[in-house]
Amino acid sequence: MVQCRVSSSQLVAIVDGQGLAPDDARALWQRFSAHMDENEGDFDGFAAKEGFRYARVSVQDHTPSLVLTNDPAAPTETKTAKTRGKKKRGRQKKRPRGPR
C-alpha cells in the first residue's frame, strides 16, 4: 500500500453534495481514519456509524475527498479492501500443456 502525507488543510468532506467547513471536514476525516484503522476497508460500517447510507473516498484535483450520502441512488455496498480486485472463481477449465 502506498501512503502519502496530506496536510489536514487539504482534506475535503462532502456530505449529501455539500462541502463541509474545513474544521468539520478535518474532524470527519479523523473519525474516518480511526474507524479504518480498526476496521480496514469498512466503508459501509463507517457510513452507518455516521448516519449515512454510503461512504467513499475520491481524489479530485489531487485533493482527497471523503464523500458521505443518503442518496437512494448510491450503491448499497462498497467494495472493501478484502474483496476489491478478487475474481469469482467458478469451475476452471484445464488448459492444455505444451511441450516442456
N, C-alpha and C. Protein backbone atom coordinates (compact mmCIF):
# COMPACT_ATOMS: atom_id res chain seq x y z
N MET A 1 0.84 -1.17 0.00
CA MET A 1 0.00 0.00 0.00
C MET A 1 0.89 1.24 0.00
N VAL A 2 0.54 2.19 -0.83
CA VAL A 2 1.29 3.43 -0.92
C VAL A 2 0.62 4.45 -0.02
N GLN A 3 1.40 5.07 0.82
CA GLN A 3 0.86 6.10 1.69
C GLN A 3 1.58 7.40 1.40
N CYS A 4 0.85 8.48 1.52
CA CYS A 4 1.48 9.79 1.35
C CYS A 4 0.94 10.71 2.43
N ARG A 5 1.69 11.72 2.70
CA ARG A 5 1.26 12.69 3.70
C ARG A 5 0.46 13.79 3.04
N VAL A 6 -0.68 14.09 3.60
CA VAL A 6 -1.53 15.16 3.10
C VAL A 6 -1.80 16.08 4.28
N SER A 7 -1.63 17.35 4.05
CA SER A 7 -1.91 18.33 5.10
C SER A 7 -3.39 18.27 5.43
N SER A 8 -3.72 18.36 6.71
CA SER A 8 -5.13 18.30 7.10
C SER A 8 -5.92 19.47 6.52
N SER A 9 -5.24 20.53 6.11
CA SER A 9 -5.95 21.66 5.50
C SER A 9 -6.36 21.32 4.07
N GLN A 10 -5.79 20.23 3.50
CA GLN A 10 -6.13 19.82 2.15
C GLN A 10 -7.26 18.81 2.11
N LEU A 11 -7.75 18.37 3.23
CA LEU A 11 -8.79 17.36 3.27
C LEU A 11 -10.15 17.99 3.04
N VAL A 12 -10.93 17.34 2.17
CA VAL A 12 -12.26 17.83 1.84
C VAL A 12 -13.26 16.76 2.24
N ALA A 13 -14.41 17.18 2.74
CA ALA A 13 -15.50 16.26 3.03
C ALA A 13 -16.76 16.81 2.38
N ILE A 14 -17.47 15.91 1.70
CA ILE A 14 -18.71 16.28 1.02
C ILE A 14 -19.82 15.41 1.58
N VAL A 15 -20.84 16.06 2.13
CA VAL A 15 -21.95 15.35 2.75
C VAL A 15 -23.22 15.72 2.00
N ASP A 16 -23.84 14.70 1.41
CA ASP A 16 -25.05 14.90 0.60
C ASP A 16 -24.87 16.05 -0.40
N GLY A 17 -23.71 16.07 -1.04
CA GLY A 17 -23.45 17.04 -2.11
C GLY A 17 -22.95 18.39 -1.65
N GLN A 18 -22.84 18.62 -0.36
CA GLN A 18 -22.40 19.91 0.16
C GLN A 18 -21.05 19.77 0.86
N GLY A 19 -20.14 20.65 0.55
CA GLY A 19 -18.83 20.64 1.20
C GLY A 19 -18.94 21.09 2.65
N LEU A 20 -18.17 20.46 3.51
CA LEU A 20 -18.15 20.86 4.92
C LEU A 20 -17.11 21.94 5.14
N ALA A 21 -17.29 22.69 6.20
CA ALA A 21 -16.29 23.68 6.62
C ALA A 21 -15.00 22.94 6.95
N PRO A 22 -13.85 23.58 6.77
CA PRO A 22 -12.56 22.89 6.99
C PRO A 22 -12.44 22.19 8.35
N ASP A 23 -12.88 22.83 9.43
CA ASP A 23 -12.78 22.21 10.75
C ASP A 23 -13.67 20.96 10.85
N ASP A 24 -14.87 21.05 10.28
CA ASP A 24 -15.78 19.90 10.29
C ASP A 24 -15.24 18.77 9.42
N ALA A 25 -14.67 19.13 8.27
CA ALA A 25 -14.09 18.13 7.38
C ALA A 25 -12.93 17.42 8.06
N ARG A 26 -12.09 18.16 8.73
CA ARG A 26 -10.93 17.59 9.43
C ARG A 26 -11.41 16.62 10.52
N ALA A 27 -12.43 17.00 11.27
CA ALA A 27 -12.96 16.13 12.33
C ALA A 27 -13.56 14.85 11.75
N LEU A 28 -14.26 14.97 10.63
CA LEU A 28 -14.85 13.80 9.98
C LEU A 28 -13.75 12.86 9.48
N TRP A 29 -12.72 13.44 8.87
CA TRP A 29 -11.59 12.62 8.40
C TRP A 29 -10.89 11.91 9.57
N GLN A 30 -10.77 12.57 10.70
CA GLN A 30 -10.15 11.93 11.88
C GLN A 30 -10.97 10.73 12.34
N ARG A 31 -12.30 10.89 12.37
CA ARG A 31 -13.16 9.76 12.75
C ARG A 31 -13.07 8.64 11.72
N PHE A 32 -13.02 9.02 10.44
CA PHE A 32 -12.89 8.05 9.36
C PHE A 32 -11.58 7.26 9.50
N SER A 33 -10.48 7.96 9.73
CA SER A 33 -9.17 7.31 9.88
C SER A 33 -9.16 6.36 11.06
N ALA A 34 -9.72 6.78 12.19
CA ALA A 34 -9.76 5.92 13.37
C ALA A 34 -10.59 4.67 13.08
N HIS A 35 -11.72 4.85 12.40
CA HIS A 35 -12.58 3.70 12.07
C HIS A 35 -11.84 2.74 11.14
N MET A 36 -11.15 3.27 10.14
CA MET A 36 -10.45 2.41 9.18
C MET A 36 -9.24 1.72 9.80
N ASP A 37 -8.63 2.36 10.79
CA ASP A 37 -7.52 1.70 11.50
C ASP A 37 -8.01 0.44 12.20
N GLU A 38 -9.23 0.50 12.73
CA GLU A 38 -9.79 -0.63 13.46
C GLU A 38 -10.56 -1.61 12.56
N ASN A 39 -11.06 -1.12 11.43
CA ASN A 39 -11.93 -1.92 10.56
C ASN A 39 -11.54 -1.71 9.10
N GLU A 40 -10.40 -2.23 8.72
CA GLU A 40 -9.84 -1.98 7.39
C GLU A 40 -10.86 -2.22 6.28
N GLY A 41 -11.07 -1.19 5.45
CA GLY A 41 -11.94 -1.31 4.29
C GLY A 41 -13.43 -1.25 4.58
N ASP A 42 -13.83 -0.95 5.80
CA ASP A 42 -15.25 -0.98 6.18
C ASP A 42 -15.93 0.37 5.93
N PHE A 43 -16.10 0.71 4.67
CA PHE A 43 -16.75 1.97 4.31
C PHE A 43 -18.22 1.96 4.73
N ASP A 44 -18.89 0.83 4.53
CA ASP A 44 -20.30 0.74 4.89
C ASP A 44 -20.52 0.92 6.39
N GLY A 45 -19.65 0.32 7.19
CA GLY A 45 -19.76 0.46 8.64
C GLY A 45 -19.55 1.89 9.08
N PHE A 46 -18.58 2.58 8.45
CA PHE A 46 -18.35 3.97 8.79
C PHE A 46 -19.55 4.82 8.41
N ALA A 47 -20.09 4.59 7.21
CA ALA A 47 -21.26 5.35 6.77
C ALA A 47 -22.41 5.17 7.76
N ALA A 48 -22.67 3.93 8.14
CA ALA A 48 -23.77 3.65 9.07
C ALA A 48 -23.51 4.30 10.43
N LYS A 49 -22.29 4.23 10.88
CA LYS A 49 -21.92 4.81 12.18
C LYS A 49 -22.17 6.32 12.20
N GLU A 50 -21.96 6.96 11.04
CA GLU A 50 -22.15 8.40 10.93
C GLU A 50 -23.58 8.78 10.53
N GLY A 51 -24.43 7.76 10.30
CA GLY A 51 -25.83 8.02 9.96
C GLY A 51 -26.07 8.21 8.46
N PHE A 52 -25.20 7.61 7.63
CA PHE A 52 -25.35 7.74 6.19
C PHE A 52 -25.46 6.37 5.54
N ARG A 53 -25.86 6.38 4.29
CA ARG A 53 -26.04 5.14 3.55
C ARG A 53 -24.76 4.70 2.84
N TYR A 54 -23.94 5.65 2.44
CA TYR A 54 -22.81 5.34 1.56
C TYR A 54 -21.63 6.24 1.89
N ALA A 55 -20.44 5.67 1.88
CA ALA A 55 -19.21 6.43 2.08
C ALA A 55 -18.17 5.97 1.07
N ARG A 56 -17.40 6.91 0.58
CA ARG A 56 -16.29 6.58 -0.30
C ARG A 56 -15.27 7.69 -0.24
N VAL A 57 -14.08 7.39 -0.74
CA VAL A 57 -13.02 8.39 -0.83
C VAL A 57 -12.72 8.58 -2.30
N SER A 58 -12.63 9.82 -2.71
CA SER A 58 -12.24 10.11 -4.09
C SER A 58 -11.15 11.17 -4.07
N VAL A 59 -10.48 11.32 -5.19
CA VAL A 59 -9.44 12.34 -5.31
C VAL A 59 -9.81 13.23 -6.48
N GLN A 60 -9.94 14.51 -6.21
CA GLN A 60 -10.26 15.48 -7.24
C GLN A 60 -9.23 16.59 -7.19
N ASP A 61 -8.60 16.84 -8.31
CA ASP A 61 -7.54 17.87 -8.38
C ASP A 61 -6.46 17.63 -7.32
N HIS A 62 -6.06 16.38 -7.15
CA HIS A 62 -5.01 15.98 -6.20
C HIS A 62 -5.40 16.22 -4.75
N THR A 63 -6.70 16.36 -4.49
CA THR A 63 -7.18 16.59 -3.13
C THR A 63 -8.10 15.44 -2.72
N PRO A 64 -7.77 14.73 -1.62
CA PRO A 64 -8.65 13.66 -1.16
C PRO A 64 -9.98 14.22 -0.67
N SER A 65 -11.05 13.55 -1.07
CA SER A 65 -12.40 13.95 -0.65
C SER A 65 -13.10 12.76 -0.02
N LEU A 66 -13.64 12.95 1.16
CA LEU A 66 -14.44 11.93 1.82
C LEU A 66 -15.90 12.27 1.51
N VAL A 67 -16.60 11.35 0.86
CA VAL A 67 -17.96 11.60 0.39
C VAL A 67 -18.92 10.71 1.16
N LEU A 68 -19.90 11.33 1.80
CA LEU A 68 -20.95 10.61 2.52
C LEU A 68 -22.29 11.04 1.94
N THR A 69 -23.20 10.08 1.78
CA THR A 69 -24.51 10.44 1.24
C THR A 69 -25.60 9.51 1.75
N ASN A 70 -26.81 10.04 1.71
CA ASN A 70 -28.01 9.25 1.98
C ASN A 70 -28.81 9.06 0.70
N ASP A 71 -28.23 9.44 -0.43
CA ASP A 71 -28.88 9.34 -1.73
C ASP A 71 -29.29 7.90 -2.00
N PRO A 72 -30.57 7.65 -2.25
CA PRO A 72 -31.02 6.28 -2.51
C PRO A 72 -30.40 5.69 -3.78
N ALA A 73 -29.90 6.53 -4.67
CA ALA A 73 -29.27 6.03 -5.90
C ALA A 73 -27.84 5.55 -5.65
N ALA A 74 -27.30 5.85 -4.49
CA ALA A 74 -25.94 5.42 -4.17
C ALA A 74 -25.92 3.91 -3.98
N PRO A 75 -24.80 3.28 -4.29
CA PRO A 75 -24.70 1.83 -4.08
C PRO A 75 -24.95 1.47 -2.62
N THR A 76 -25.54 0.31 -2.38
CA THR A 76 -25.79 -0.10 -1.00
C THR A 76 -24.59 -0.79 -0.39
N GLU A 77 -23.68 -1.28 -1.22
CA GLU A 77 -22.46 -1.91 -0.71
C GLU A 77 -21.28 -1.36 -1.46
N THR A 78 -20.20 -1.17 -0.76
CA THR A 78 -18.96 -0.77 -1.41
C THR A 78 -18.01 -1.94 -1.37
N LYS A 79 -17.07 -1.95 -2.27
CA LYS A 79 -16.05 -3.00 -2.25
C LYS A 79 -15.10 -2.69 -1.11
N THR A 80 -14.76 -3.69 -0.36
CA THR A 80 -13.82 -3.50 0.74
C THR A 80 -12.43 -3.89 0.27
N ALA A 81 -11.46 -3.58 1.06
CA ALA A 81 -10.08 -3.93 0.72
C ALA A 81 -9.94 -5.44 0.58
N LYS A 82 -10.76 -6.18 1.31
CA LYS A 82 -10.65 -7.63 1.26
C LYS A 82 -11.24 -8.22 -0.01
N THR A 83 -12.23 -7.55 -0.62
CA THR A 83 -12.87 -8.10 -1.81
C THR A 83 -12.47 -7.37 -3.08
N ARG A 84 -11.88 -6.21 -2.99
CA ARG A 84 -11.52 -5.44 -4.16
C ARG A 84 -10.54 -6.22 -5.02
N GLY A 85 -10.86 -6.34 -6.29
CA GLY A 85 -9.95 -6.95 -7.24
C GLY A 85 -9.97 -8.47 -7.27
N LYS A 86 -10.69 -9.10 -6.38
CA LYS A 86 -10.74 -10.56 -6.40
C LYS A 86 -11.79 -11.01 -7.43
N LYS A 87 -11.43 -12.00 -8.21
CA LYS A 87 -12.35 -12.54 -9.19
C LYS A 87 -13.09 -13.72 -8.59
N LYS A 88 -14.35 -13.85 -9.01
CA LYS A 88 -15.10 -15.01 -8.56
C LYS A 88 -14.52 -16.23 -9.25
N ARG A 89 -14.33 -17.26 -8.47
CA ARG A 89 -13.76 -18.48 -9.03
C ARG A 89 -14.85 -19.53 -9.17
N GLY A 90 -15.10 -19.89 -10.37
CA GLY A 90 -16.01 -20.99 -10.64
C GLY A 90 -15.21 -22.18 -11.08
N ARG A 91 -15.84 -23.04 -11.76
CA ARG A 91 -15.13 -24.21 -12.29
C ARG A 91 -14.20 -23.74 -13.40
N GLN A 92 -12.95 -24.04 -13.27
CA GLN A 92 -11.97 -23.60 -14.24
C GLN A 92 -11.64 -24.72 -15.20
N LYS A 93 -11.50 -24.36 -16.48
CA LYS A 93 -11.15 -25.34 -17.49
C LYS A 93 -9.66 -25.62 -17.42
N LYS A 94 -9.33 -26.86 -17.66
CA LYS A 94 -7.90 -27.22 -17.71
C LYS A 94 -7.33 -26.75 -19.02
N ARG A 95 -6.19 -26.15 -18.93
CA ARG A 95 -5.52 -25.68 -20.13
C ARG A 95 -4.59 -26.78 -20.65
N PRO A 96 -4.58 -26.96 -21.96
CA PRO A 96 -3.65 -27.98 -22.48
C PRO A 96 -2.21 -27.54 -22.24
N ARG A 97 -1.39 -28.49 -21.89
CA ARG A 97 0.01 -28.20 -21.64
C ARG A 97 0.79 -28.35 -22.93
N GLY A 98 1.68 -27.44 -23.14
CA GLY A 98 2.55 -27.51 -24.30
C GLY A 98 3.77 -28.35 -23.97
N PRO A 99 4.62 -28.54 -24.96
CA PRO A 99 5.84 -29.32 -24.70
C PRO A 99 6.72 -28.62 -23.67
N ARG A 100 7.39 -29.40 -22.88
CA ARG A 100 8.25 -28.82 -21.84
C ARG A 100 9.67 -28.90 -22.25
